[in-house]
Amino acid sequence: MILSIIITILVGALIGWLAGILMKSRHGFWMSCLLGIVGSFLGWGIANFIGLYGGWVVDVLIRIVGTCLLIAIVRAVLGKKF
């Protein structure tokens, strides 16, 4: 249980970091973790809704796109460079 939580945080941080680079976003480690985890679920949910499935590479790409989408939403709501 605790190991899966640690892995989720690390993968979320990695995905948040990659999405932050793609979106030219400036946020810290903990915000990367939060955005990566929430954005991963957002991307996964959208992909399941439209019926997009694949291997682990497709899964990682879907999660990065979901996190980029989440960063764009946060930027639109906050109205500043995030």
C-alpha atoms as a PDB file:
ATOM      1  CA  MET A   1       0.000   0.000   0.000  1.00  0.00           C
ATOM      2  CA  ILE A   2       2.617   2.541   1.030  1.00  0.00           C
ATOM      3  CA  LEU A   3       4.852   1.491  -1.871  1.00  0.00           C
ATOM      4  CA  SER A   4       2.061   2.112  -4.400  1.00  0.00           C
ATOM      5  CA  ILE A   5       1.490   5.587  -2.922  1.00  0.00           C
ATOM      6  CA  ILE A   6       5.193   6.384  -3.224  1.00  0.00           C
ATOM      7  CA  ILE A   7       5.276   5.112  -6.814  1.00  0.00           C
ATOM      8  CA  THR A   8       2.164   7.150  -7.669  1.00  0.00           C
ATOM      9  CA  ILE A   9       3.772  10.315  -6.280  1.00  0.00           C
ATOM     10  CA  LEU A  10       7.023   9.689  -8.150  1.00  0.00           C
ATOM     11  CA  VAL A  11       5.306   8.913 -11.453  1.00  0.00           C
ATOM     12  CA  GLY A  12       2.998  11.904 -10.942  1.00  0.00           C
ATOM     13  CA  ALA A  13       6.001  14.129 -10.303  1.00  0.00           C
ATOM     14  CA  LEU A  14       7.714  12.852 -13.443  1.00  0.00           C
ATOM     15  CA  ILE A  15       4.619  13.368 -15.576  1.00  0.00           C
ATOM     16  CA  GLY A  16       4.034  16.810 -14.011  1.00  0.00           C
ATOM     17  CA  TRP A  17       7.653  17.739 -14.706  1.00  0.00           C
ATOM     18  CA  LEU A  18       7.424  16.619 -18.362  1.00  0.00           C
ATOM     19  CA  ALA A  19       4.115  18.432 -18.870  1.00  0.00           C
ATOM     20  CA  GLY A  20       5.574  21.547 -17.208  1.00  0.00           C
ATOM     21  CA  ILE A  21       8.450  21.510 -19.698  1.00  0.00           C
ATOM     22  CA  LEU A  22       6.054  21.084 -22.630  1.00  0.00           C
ATOM     23  CA  MET A  23       3.792  23.877 -21.390  1.00  0.00           C
ATOM     24  CA  LYS A  24       6.707  26.110 -20.273  1.00  0.00           C
ATOM     25  CA  SER A  25       5.224  26.233 -16.805  1.00  0.00           C
ATOM     26  CA  ARG A  26       7.057  27.243 -13.644  1.00  0.00           C
ATOM     27  CA  HIS A  27       5.953  25.415 -10.547  1.00  0.00           C
ATOM     28  CA  GLY A  28       7.678  23.534  -7.774  1.00  0.00           C
ATOM     29  CA  PHE A  29       8.052  19.856  -6.975  1.00  0.00           C
ATOM     30  CA  TRP A  30       4.868  19.472  -4.945  1.00  0.00           C
ATOM     31  CA  MET A  31       2.767  21.291  -7.524  1.00  0.00           C
ATOM     32  CA  SER A  32       4.290  19.023 -10.191  1.00  0.00           C
ATOM     33  CA  CYS A  33       3.221  16.007  -8.132  1.00  0.00           C
ATOM     34  CA  LEU A  34      -0.297  17.341  -7.679  1.00  0.00           C
ATOM     35  CA  LEU A  35      -0.728  18.358 -11.316  1.00  0.00           C
ATOM     36  CA  GLY A  36       0.794  15.099 -12.530  1.00  0.00           C
ATOM     37  CA  ILE A  37      -1.465  12.921 -10.400  1.00  0.00           C
ATOM     38  CA  VAL A  38      -4.685  14.855 -11.098  1.00  0.00           C
ATOM     39  CA  GLY A  39      -3.797  15.364 -14.761  1.00  0.00           C
ATOM     40  CA  SER A  40      -3.041  11.665 -15.140  1.00  0.00           C
ATOM     41  CA  PHE A  41      -6.499  10.775 -13.921  1.00  0.00           C
ATOM     42  CA  LEU A  42      -7.999  13.450 -16.186  1.00  0.00           C
ATOM     43  CA  GLY A  43      -6.196  12.083 -19.255  1.00  0.00           C
ATOM     44  CA  TRP A  44      -7.014   8.497 -18.317  1.00  0.00           C
ATOM     45  CA  GLY A  45     -10.693   9.363 -17.856  1.00  0.00           C
ATOM     46  CA  ILE A  46     -10.940  11.150 -21.195  1.00  0.00           C
ATOM     47  CA  ALA A  47      -9.134   8.306 -22.978  1.00  0.00           C
ATOM     48  CA  ASN A  48     -11.472   5.724 -21.456  1.00  0.00           C
ATOM     49  CA  PHE A  49     -14.495   7.838 -22.378  1.00  0.00           C
ATOM     50  CA  ILE A  50     -13.511   7.950 -26.047  1.00  0.00           C
ATOM     51  CA  GLY A  51     -12.305   4.343 -26.033  1.00  0.00           C
ATOM     52  CA  LEU A  52      -8.582   4.941 -26.522  1.00  0.00           C
ATOM     53  CA  TYR A  53      -6.492   2.066 -25.179  1.00  0.00           C
ATOM     54  CA  GLY A  54      -2.920   0.970 -25.732  1.00  0.00           C
ATOM     55  CA  GLY A  55       0.264  -0.162 -24.092  1.00  0.00           C
ATOM     56  CA  TRP A  56       2.279   1.603 -21.440  1.00  0.00           C
ATOM     57  CA  VAL A  57       3.736   4.117 -23.944  1.00  0.00           C
ATOM     58  CA  VAL A  58       0.260   5.217 -25.010  1.00  0.00           C
ATOM     59  CA  ASP A  59      -0.766   5.339 -21.352  1.00  0.00           C
ATOM     60  CA  VAL A  60       2.127   7.644 -20.443  1.00  0.00           C
ATOM     61  CA  LEU A  61       1.397   9.913 -23.428  1.00  0.00           C
ATOM     62  CA  ILE A  62      -2.285  10.090 -22.475  1.00  0.00           C
ATOM     63  CA  ARG A  63      -1.347  11.039 -18.925  1.00  0.00           C
ATOM     64  CA  ILE A  64       1.069  13.741 -20.121  1.00  0.00           C
ATOM     65  CA  VAL A  65      -1.633  15.184 -22.405  1.00  0.00           C
ATOM     66  CA  GLY A  66      -4.095  15.134 -19.489  1.00  0.00           C
ATOM     67  CA  THR A  67      -1.627  17.015 -17.310  1.00  0.00           C
ATOM     68  CA  CYS A  68      -0.985  19.564 -20.081  1.00  0.00           C
ATOM     69  CA  LEU A  69      -4.745  20.026 -20.363  1.00  0.00           C
ATOM     70  CA  LEU A  70      -4.965  20.552 -16.610  1.00  0.00           C
ATOM     71  CA  ILE A  71      -2.173  23.160 -16.720  1.00  0.00           C
ATOM     72  CA  ALA A  72      -4.053  24.973 -19.506  1.00  0.00           C
ATOM     73  CA  ILE A  73      -7.244  24.947 -17.425  1.00  0.00           C
ATOM     74  CA  VAL A  74      -5.418  26.297 -14.370  1.00  0.00           C
ATOM     75  CA  ARG A  75      -3.855  29.050 -16.500  1.00  0.00           C
ATOM     76  CA  ALA A  76      -7.276  30.001 -17.880  1.00  0.00           C
ATOM     77  CA  VAL A  77      -8.808  30.146 -14.402  1.00  0.00           C
ATOM     78  CA  LEU A  78      -5.946  32.014 -12.729  1.00  0.00           C
ATOM     79  CA  GLY A  79      -5.410  34.324 -15.686  1.00  0.00           C
ATOM     80  CA  LYS A  80      -1.657  34.483 -15.284  1.00  0.00           C
ATOM     81  CA  LYS A  81       1.460  32.605 -16.328  1.00  0.00           C
ATOM     82  CA  PHE A  82       1.486  29.364 -14.392  1.00  0.00           C
END
